[in-house]
Structures are given as structure tokens and as C-alpha cells.
PDB file of N, CA and C in Angstrom:
ATOM      1  N   MET A   1     -11.860 -12.572   0.529  1.00  0.00           N
ATOM      2  CA  MET A   1     -13.102 -12.501  -0.322  1.00  0.00           C
ATOM      3  C   MET A   1     -12.855 -13.612  -1.521  1.00  0.00           C
ATOM      4  N   GLY A   2     -11.583 -13.884  -1.608  1.00  0.00           N
ATOM      5  CA  GLY A   2     -11.748 -14.796  -2.730  1.00  0.00           C
ATOM      6  C   GLY A   2     -12.048 -16.356  -2.056  1.00  0.00           C
ATOM      7  N   LEU A   3     -11.506 -16.799  -0.827  1.00  0.00           N
ATOM      8  CA  LEU A   3     -11.779 -17.796  -0.107  1.00  0.00           C
ATOM      9  C   LEU A   3     -13.345 -18.215  -0.154  1.00  0.00           C
ATOM     10  N   TYR A   4     -13.959 -16.844   0.278  1.00  0.00           N
ATOM     11  CA  TYR A   4     -15.575 -16.855   0.709  1.00  0.00           C
ATOM     12  C   TYR A   4     -16.015 -17.397  -0.993  1.00  0.00           C
ATOM     13  N   LEU A   5     -15.737 -16.497  -2.048  1.00  0.00           N
ATOM     14  CA  LEU A   5     -16.167 -16.853  -3.437  1.00  0.00           C
ATOM     15  C   LEU A   5     -15.939 -18.120  -4.221  1.00  0.00           C
ATOM     16  N   GLU A   6     -14.840 -18.918  -3.503  1.00  0.00           N
ATOM     17  CA  GLU A   6     -14.608 -20.328  -3.984  1.00  0.00           C
ATOM     18  C   GLU A   6     -15.907 -21.114  -3.223  1.00  0.00           C
ATOM     19  N   ARG A   7     -16.117 -21.087  -1.971  1.00  0.00           N
ATOM     20  CA  ARG A   7     -17.140 -21.689  -1.263  1.00  0.00           C
ATOM     21  C   ARG A   7     -18.606 -21.405  -1.543  1.00  0.00           C
ATOM     22  N   HIS A   8     -18.770 -20.054  -2.054  1.00  0.00           N
ATOM     23  CA  HIS A   8     -20.160 -19.457  -2.185  1.00  0.00           C
ATOM     24  C   HIS A   8     -20.128 -19.493  -3.795  1.00  0.00           C
ATOM     25  N   ARG A   9     -20.387 -20.136  -4.833  1.00  0.00           N
ATOM     26  CA  ARG A   9     -20.217 -19.655  -6.122  1.00  0.00           C
ATOM     27  C   ARG A   9     -21.411 -18.646  -6.498  1.00  0.00           C
ATOM     28  N   ALA A  10     -22.314 -18.571  -5.660  1.00  0.00           N
ATOM     29  CA  ALA A  10     -23.583 -17.658  -6.237  1.00  0.00           C
ATOM     30  C   ALA A  10     -22.813 -16.236  -5.941  1.00  0.00           C
ATOM     31  N   GLY A  11     -21.947 -15.949  -5.157  1.00  0.00           N
ATOM     32  CA  GLY A  11     -21.788 -14.668  -5.000  1.00  0.00           C
ATOM     33  C   GLY A  11     -22.211 -14.030  -3.467  1.00  0.00           C
ATOM     34  N   LYS A  12     -21.914 -12.885  -3.310  1.00  0.00           N
ATOM     35  CA  LYS A  12     -21.904 -12.322  -1.928  1.00  0.00           C
ATOM     36  C   LYS A  12     -23.052 -11.471  -2.011  1.00  0.00           C
ATOM     37  N   ALA A  13     -24.006 -11.171  -1.000  1.00  0.00           N
ATOM     38  CA  ALA A  13     -25.108 -10.597  -1.070  1.00  0.00           C
ATOM     39  C   ALA A  13     -24.589  -9.018  -0.798  1.00  0.00           C
ATOM     40  N   PHE A  14     -25.394  -8.118  -1.592  1.00  0.00           N
ATOM     41  CA  PHE A  14     -25.194  -6.284  -1.232  1.00  0.00           C
ATOM     42  C   PHE A  14     -26.119  -6.226   0.036  1.00  0.00           C
ATOM     43  N   HIS A  15     -25.315  -6.258   1.193  1.00  0.00           N
ATOM     44  CA  HIS A  15     -26.157  -6.142   2.354  1.00  0.00           C
ATOM     45  C   HIS A  15     -26.286  -4.687   2.947  1.00  0.00           C
ATOM     46  N   ASP A  16     -25.622  -3.736   2.562  1.00  0.00           N
ATOM     47  CA  ASP A  16     -25.402  -2.499   3.350  1.00  0.00           C
ATOM     48  C   ASP A  16     -25.152  -1.350   2.190  1.00  0.00           C
ATOM     49  N   PRO A  17     -26.125  -1.255   1.430  1.00  0.00           N
ATOM     50  CA  PRO A  17     -25.954  -0.083   0.042  1.00  0.00           C
ATOM     51  C   PRO A  17     -25.588   1.207   0.813  1.00  0.00           C
ATOM     52  N   LEU A  18     -26.354   1.670   1.995  1.00  0.00           N
ATOM     53  CA  LEU A  18     -26.052   2.910   2.210  1.00  0.00           C
ATOM     54  C   LEU A  18     -24.703   3.008   2.643  1.00  0.00           C
ATOM     55  N   ALA A  19     -23.884   1.875   3.357  1.00  0.00           N
ATOM     56  CA  ALA A  19     -22.231   2.091   3.686  1.00  0.00           C
ATOM     57  C   ALA A  19     -21.692   2.036   2.500  1.00  0.00           C
ATOM     58  N   ALA A  20     -22.140   1.478   1.221  1.00  0.00           N
ATOM     59  CA  ALA A  20     -21.349   1.572   0.132  1.00  0.00           C
ATOM     60  C   ALA A  20     -21.320   2.738  -0.303  1.00  0.00           C
ATOM     61  N   ALA A  21     -22.430   3.358  -0.342  1.00  0.00           N
ATOM     62  CA  ALA A  21     -22.628   4.957  -0.822  1.00  0.00           C
ATOM     63  C   ALA A  21     -21.953   5.948   0.166  1.00  0.00           C
ATOM     64  N   VAL A  22     -21.813   5.961   1.575  1.00  0.00           N
ATOM     65  CA  VAL A  22     -21.347   6.878   2.163  1.00  0.00           C
ATOM     66  C   VAL A  22     -20.041   6.622   1.927  1.00  0.00           C
ATOM     67  N   ALA A  23     -19.292   5.474   1.422  1.00  0.00           N
ATOM     68  CA  ALA A  23     -17.850   5.330   1.559  1.00  0.00           C
ATOM     69  C   ALA A  23     -17.479   6.097   0.192  1.00  0.00           C
ATOM     70  N   VAL A  24     -18.394   6.269  -0.928  1.00  0.00           N
ATOM     71  CA  VAL A  24     -18.016   7.192  -1.956  1.00  0.00           C
ATOM     72  C   VAL A  24     -18.466   8.507  -1.649  1.00  0.00           C
ATOM     73  N   ASN A  25     -19.537   8.922  -0.887  1.00  0.00           N
ATOM     74  CA  ASN A  25     -19.586  10.136  -0.708  1.00  0.00           C
ATOM     75  C   ASN A  25     -20.331  10.309   0.671  1.00  0.00           C
ATOM     76  N   PRO A  26     -19.276  10.544   1.460  1.00  0.00           N
ATOM     77  CA  PRO A  26     -19.671  11.005   2.921  1.00  0.00           C
ATOM     78  C   PRO A  26     -20.704  11.765   3.321  1.00  0.00           C
ATOM     79  N   ALA A  27     -20.833  12.879   2.294  1.00  0.00           N
ATOM     80  CA  ALA A  27     -21.868  13.761   2.910  1.00  0.00           C
ATOM     81  C   ALA A  27     -22.896  13.707   2.740  1.00  0.00           C
ATOM     82  N   ILE A  28     -23.690  12.041   2.365  1.00  0.00           N
ATOM     83  CA  ILE A  28     -24.782  11.484   2.447  1.00  0.00           C
ATOM     84  C   ILE A  28     -25.248  11.666   3.887  1.00  0.00           C
ATOM     85  N   CYS A  29     -24.602  11.100   4.980  1.00  0.00           N
ATOM     86  CA  CYS A  29     -25.052  11.199   6.379  1.00  0.00           C
ATOM     87  C   CYS A  29     -24.324  12.305   7.027  1.00  0.00           C
ATOM     88  N   GLN A  30     -25.185  12.859   8.045  1.00  0.00           N
ATOM     89  CA  GLN A  30     -24.777  13.178   9.291  1.00  0.00           C
ATOM     90  C   GLN A  30     -24.062  12.485  10.424  1.00  0.00           C
ATOM     91  N   PHE A  31     -22.973  12.932  10.833  1.00  0.00           N
ATOM     92  CA  PHE A  31     -22.542  11.933  11.629  1.00  0.00           C
ATOM     93  C   PHE A  31     -22.253  12.752  13.050  1.00  0.00           C
ATOM     94  N   MET A  32     -22.399  11.835  14.093  1.00  0.00           N
ATOM     95  CA  MET A  32     -22.106  12.311  15.518  1.00  0.00           C
ATOM     96  C   MET A  32     -21.341  11.369  16.045  1.00  0.00           C
ATOM     97  N   GLU A  33     -20.350  11.967  17.180  1.00  0.00           N
ATOM     98  CA  GLU A  33     -19.278  11.156  17.642  1.00  0.00           C
ATOM     99  C   GLU A  33     -19.925  10.989  19.040  1.00  0.00           C
ATOM    100  N   VAL A  34     -20.023   9.454  19.326  1.00  0.00           N
ATOM    101  CA  VAL A  34     -20.999   9.105  20.486  1.00  0.00           C
ATOM    102  C   VAL A  34     -20.013   7.883  21.230  1.00  0.00           C
ATOM    103  N   GLU A  35     -20.363   7.676  22.326  1.00  0.00           N
ATOM    104  CA  GLU A  35     -20.306   6.293  23.258  1.00  0.00           C
ATOM    105  C   GLU A  35     -21.371   5.410  22.958  1.00  0.00           C
ATOM    106  N   VAL A  36     -21.201   4.355  22.650  1.00  0.00           N
ATOM    107  CA  VAL A  36     -22.197   3.216  22.424  1.00  0.00           C
ATOM    108  C   VAL A  36     -22.090   2.303  23.711  1.00  0.00           C
ATOM    109  N   ARG A  37     -23.005   1.761  24.365  1.00  0.00           N
ATOM    110  CA  ARG A  37     -23.067   1.078  25.352  1.00  0.00           C
ATOM    111  C   ARG A  37     -24.660   0.333  25.525  1.00  0.00           C
ATOM    112  N   ARG A  38     -24.622  -0.677  26.319  1.00  0.00           N
ATOM    113  CA  ARG A  38     -25.785  -1.512  26.395  1.00  0.00           C
ATOM    114  C   ARG A  38     -26.749  -0.675  27.517  1.00  0.00           C
ATOM    115  N   GLN A  39     -27.940  -0.705  27.247  1.00  0.00           N
ATOM    116  CA  GLN A  39     -28.973  -0.102  28.140  1.00  0.00           C
ATOM    117  C   GLN A  39     -30.284  -1.023  28.119  1.00  0.00           C
ATOM    118  N   ASP A  40     -30.310  -1.606  29.326  1.00  0.00           N
ATOM    119  CA  ASP A  40     -31.435  -2.393  29.661  1.00  0.00           C
ATOM    120  C   ASP A  40     -31.411  -3.584  28.684  1.00  0.00           C
ATOM    121  N   LYS A  41     -32.111  -4.079  27.632  1.00  0.00           N
ATOM    122  CA  LYS A  41     -32.142  -5.248  26.860  1.00  0.00           C
ATOM    123  C   LYS A  41     -31.556  -4.811  25.597  1.00  0.00           C
ATOM    124  N   GLY A  42     -31.053  -3.390  25.241  1.00  0.00           N
ATOM    125  CA  GLY A  42     -30.759  -3.172  23.941  1.00  0.00           C
ATOM    126  C   GLY A  42     -29.578  -2.010  23.986  1.00  0.00           C
ATOM    127  N   TRP A  43     -29.095  -1.494  23.063  1.00  0.00           N
ATOM    128  CA  TRP A  43     -27.771  -0.891  22.705  1.00  0.00           C
ATOM    129  C   TRP A  43     -28.349   0.747  22.654  1.00  0.00           C
ATOM    130  N   GLY A  44     -27.883   1.840  23.236  1.00  0.00           N
ATOM    131  CA  GLY A  44     -28.008   3.059  23.004  1.00  0.00           C
ATOM    132  C   GLY A  44     -26.496   3.746  22.570  1.00  0.00           C
ATOM    133  N   ALA A  45     -26.736   5.133  22.485  1.00  0.00           N
ATOM    134  CA  ALA A  45     -25.311   6.003  22.214  1.00  0.00           C
ATOM    135  C   ALA A  45     -25.793   7.260  22.719  1.00  0.00           C
ATOM    136  N   TRP A  46     -24.533   7.800  23.010  1.00  0.00           N
ATOM    137  CA  TRP A  46     -24.754   9.032  23.676  1.00  0.00           C
ATOM    138  C   TRP A  46     -23.553   9.932  23.121  1.00  0.00           C
ATOM    139  N   PRO A  47     -24.027  11.176  23.181  1.00  0.00           N
ATOM    140  CA  PRO A  47     -22.746  12.143  22.341  1.00  0.00           C
ATOM    141  C   PRO A  47     -21.706  12.247  23.482  1.00  0.00           C
ATOM    142  N   LYS A  48     -20.348  11.855  22.949  1.00  0.00           N
ATOM    143  CA  LYS A  48     -19.317  11.949  23.662  1.00  0.00           C
ATOM    144  C   LYS A  48     -18.425  12.737  22.712  1.00  0.00           C
ATOM    145  N   PRO A  49     -17.636  13.904  22.573  1.00  0.00           N
ATOM    146  CA  PRO A  49     -16.834  14.413  21.648  1.00  0.00           C
ATOM    147  C   PRO A  49     -15.412  13.752  22.147  1.00  0.00           C
ATOM    148  N   GLY A  50     -14.536  13.365  21.122  1.00  0.00           N
ATOM    149  CA  GLY A  50     -13.113  12.980  21.417  1.00  0.00           C
ATOM    150  C   GLY A  50     -13.212  11.469  21.328  1.00  0.00           C
ATOM    151  N   CYS A  51     -14.357  10.753  21.789  1.00  0.00           N
ATOM    152  CA  CYS A  51     -14.152   9.382  21.818  1.00  0.00           C
ATOM    153  C   CYS A  51     -13.672   8.388  20.494  1.00  0.00           C
ATOM    154  N   GLY A  52     -14.020   8.970  19.209  1.00  0.00           N
ATOM    155  CA  GLY A  52     -13.478   8.458  17.901  1.00  0.00           C
ATOM    156  C   GLY A  52     -14.237   7.402  17.361  1.00  0.00           C
ATOM    157  N   THR A  53     -15.572   7.310  18.099  1.00  0.00           N
ATOM    158  CA  THR A  53     -16.788   6.510  17.575  1.00  0.00           C
ATOM    159  C   THR A  53     -18.020   7.154  16.983  1.00  0.00           C
ATOM    160  N   TRP A  54     -17.845   7.147  15.500  1.00  0.00           N
ATOM    161  CA  TRP A  54     -18.708   8.115  14.865  1.00  0.00           C
ATOM    162  C   TRP A  54     -20.105   7.094  14.392  1.00  0.00           C
ATOM    163  N   ILE A  55     -21.468   7.747  14.355  1.00  0.00           N
ATOM    164  CA  ILE A  55     -22.394   6.911  13.972  1.00  0.00           C
ATOM    165  C   ILE A  55     -23.296   7.863  13.189  1.00  0.00           C
ATOM    166  N   SER A  56     -23.928   7.276  12.008  1.00  0.00           N
ATOM    167  CA  SER A  56     -25.098   8.479  11.323  1.00  0.00           C
ATOM    168  C   SER A  56     -26.104   8.693  12.319  1.00  0.00           C
ATOM    169  N   VAL A  57     -26.597  10.004  12.196  1.00  0.00           N
ATOM    170  CA  VAL A  57     -27.931  10.125  12.428  1.00  0.00           C
ATOM    171  C   VAL A  57     -28.981  10.855  11.655  1.00  0.00           C
ATOM    172  N   ALA A  58     -28.481  11.099  10.718  1.00  0.00           N
ATOM    173  CA  ALA A  58     -29.238  11.453   9.317  1.00  0.00           C
ATOM    174  C   ALA A  58     -28.733  10.979   8.130  1.00  0.00           C
ATOM    175  N   VAL A  59     -29.902  11.065   7.191  1.00  0.00           N
ATOM    176  CA  VAL A  59     -29.431  10.471   5.775  1.00  0.00           C
ATOM    177  C   VAL A  59     -30.058  11.593   4.806  1.00  0.00           C
ATOM    178  N   ASN A  60     -29.306  11.976   3.618  1.00  0.00           N
ATOM    179  CA  ASN A  60     -29.915  12.826   2.608  1.00  0.00           C
ATOM    180  C   ASN A  60     -30.053  11.665   1.694  1.00  0.00           C
ATOM    181  N   ARG A  61     -31.680  11.372   1.547  1.00  0.00           N
ATOM    182  CA  ARG A  61     -32.132  10.349   0.752  1.00  0.00           C
ATOM    183  C   ARG A  61     -31.881  10.566  -0.824  1.00  0.00           C
ATOM    184  N   GLU A  62     -31.973  11.789  -1.067  1.00  0.00           N
ATOM    185  CA  GLU A  62     -31.579  12.020  -2.764  1.00  0.00           C
ATOM    186  C   GLU A  62     -30.178  12.211  -3.079  1.00  0.00           C
ATOM    187  N   ALA A  63     -29.125  12.574  -2.066  1.00  0.00           N
ATOM    188  CA  ALA A  63     -27.921  12.105  -2.015  1.00  0.00           C
ATOM    189  C   ALA A  63     -27.593  10.587  -2.184  1.00  0.00           C
ATOM    190  N   PHE A  64     -28.181  10.140  -1.263  1.00  0.00           N
ATOM    191  CA  PHE A  64     -27.795   8.782  -1.480  1.00  0.00           C
ATOM    192  C   PHE A  64     -28.304   7.831  -2.734  1.00  0.00           C
ATOM    193  N   VAL A  65     -29.498   8.034  -3.052  1.00  0.00           N
ATOM    194  CA  VAL A  65     -30.262   7.475  -4.423  1.00  0.00           C
ATOM    195  C   VAL A  65     -29.272   7.948  -5.620  1.00  0.00           C
ATOM    196  N   ASN A  66     -28.907   9.249  -5.469  1.00  0.00           N
ATOM    197  CA  ASN A  66     -27.994   9.610  -6.507  1.00  0.00           C
ATOM    198  C   ASN A  66     -26.703   9.193  -6.467  1.00  0.00           C
ATOM    199  N   THR A  67     -25.836   8.830  -5.357  1.00  0.00           N
ATOM    200  CA  THR A  67     -24.770   8.351  -5.458  1.00  0.00           C
ATOM    201  C   THR A  67     -24.879   6.669  -5.781  1.00  0.00           C
ATOM    202  N   LEU A  68     -26.050   5.922  -4.935  1.00  0.00           N
ATOM    203  CA  LEU A  68     -26.183   4.640  -5.449  1.00  0.00           C
ATOM    204  C   LEU A  68     -26.440   4.255  -6.905  1.00  0.00           C
ATOM    205  N   LEU A  69     -27.052   4.971  -7.514  1.00  0.00           N
ATOM    206  CA  LEU A  69     -27.929   4.663  -8.770  1.00  0.00           C
ATOM    207  C   LEU A  69     -27.233   5.493 -10.084  1.00  0.00           C
ATOM    208  N   LEU A  70     -26.610   6.602  -9.636  1.00  0.00           N
ATOM    209  CA  LEU A  70     -26.201   7.390 -10.588  1.00  0.00           C
ATOM    210  C   LEU A  70     -24.588   7.516 -10.588  1.00  0.00           C
ATOM    211  N   GLY A  71     -24.020   7.130  -9.364  1.00  0.00           N
ATOM    212  CA  GLY A  71     -22.393   7.501  -9.461  1.00  0.00           C
ATOM    213  C   GLY A  71     -22.086   8.609  -9.007  1.00  0.00           C
ATOM    214  N   GLU A  72     -23.082   9.448  -8.279  1.00  0.00           N
ATOM    215  CA  GLU A  72     -22.219  10.908  -8.130  1.00  0.00           C
ATOM    216  C   GLU A  72     -21.672  10.870  -6.744  1.00  0.00           C
ATOM    217  N   THR A  73     -20.374  11.538  -6.638  1.00  0.00           N
ATOM    218  CA  THR A  73     -19.711  11.420  -5.679  1.00  0.00           C
ATOM    219  C   THR A  73     -20.032  12.711  -4.825  1.00  0.00           C
ATOM    220  N   GLY A  74     -20.785  13.545  -5.082  1.00  0.00           N
ATOM    221  CA  GLY A  74     -20.647  14.777  -4.196  1.00  0.00           C
ATOM    222  C   GLY A  74     -19.621  16.004  -4.402  1.00  0.00           C
ATOM    223  N   SER A  75     -18.892  15.683  -5.226  1.00  0.00           N
ATOM    224  CA  SER A  75     -17.880  16.507  -5.439  1.00  0.00           C
ATOM    225  C   SER A  75     -18.045  17.239  -6.814  1.00  0.00           C
ATOM    226  N   GLU A  76     -19.313  17.058  -7.575  1.00  0.00           N
ATOM    227  CA  GLU A  76     -19.578  17.358  -9.016  1.00  0.00           C
ATOM    228  C   GLU A  76     -20.027  18.880  -8.756  1.00  0.00           C
TER     229      GLU A  76
END
């Protein structure tokens, strides 16, 4: 990151606020273990327990906003 910031003095864009909030409070999202693969011209995901790949399938918007804006961690 230091090297990036040396070259980009304006800083780094905050491009994934949901990922940042989930890192603090994983309970924001409901996750499902899936296999991800190409289908036709896009990508798809199919349930596959035990594969080790997890995606978010639902978001608690109130918990997301409270975590991102108020710093709540879900352990209060």
C-alpha cells in the first residue's frame, strides 16, 4: 500500500464499503458455501457444502449502516 500511495498522492478509493463493514461485523451478511463457475456468458454459483468458497446471499441493511457509520461491531 505504501508503494501505491507514493505513486498516487490523492490516496486510494474506498470501493467496497460492504466488505469493510463485514470484516468488522460478519453478522451483517448471510453466507452460503458455493461452487462458482462460468455459465453461458456470465458467472453463477451453486450450493456445494464443504468446498470452502463462501459468498454473501443476503444483507442486513440496518446492521451494515450501523457498522459503517456508527462503528457498531454486532457484539454490543
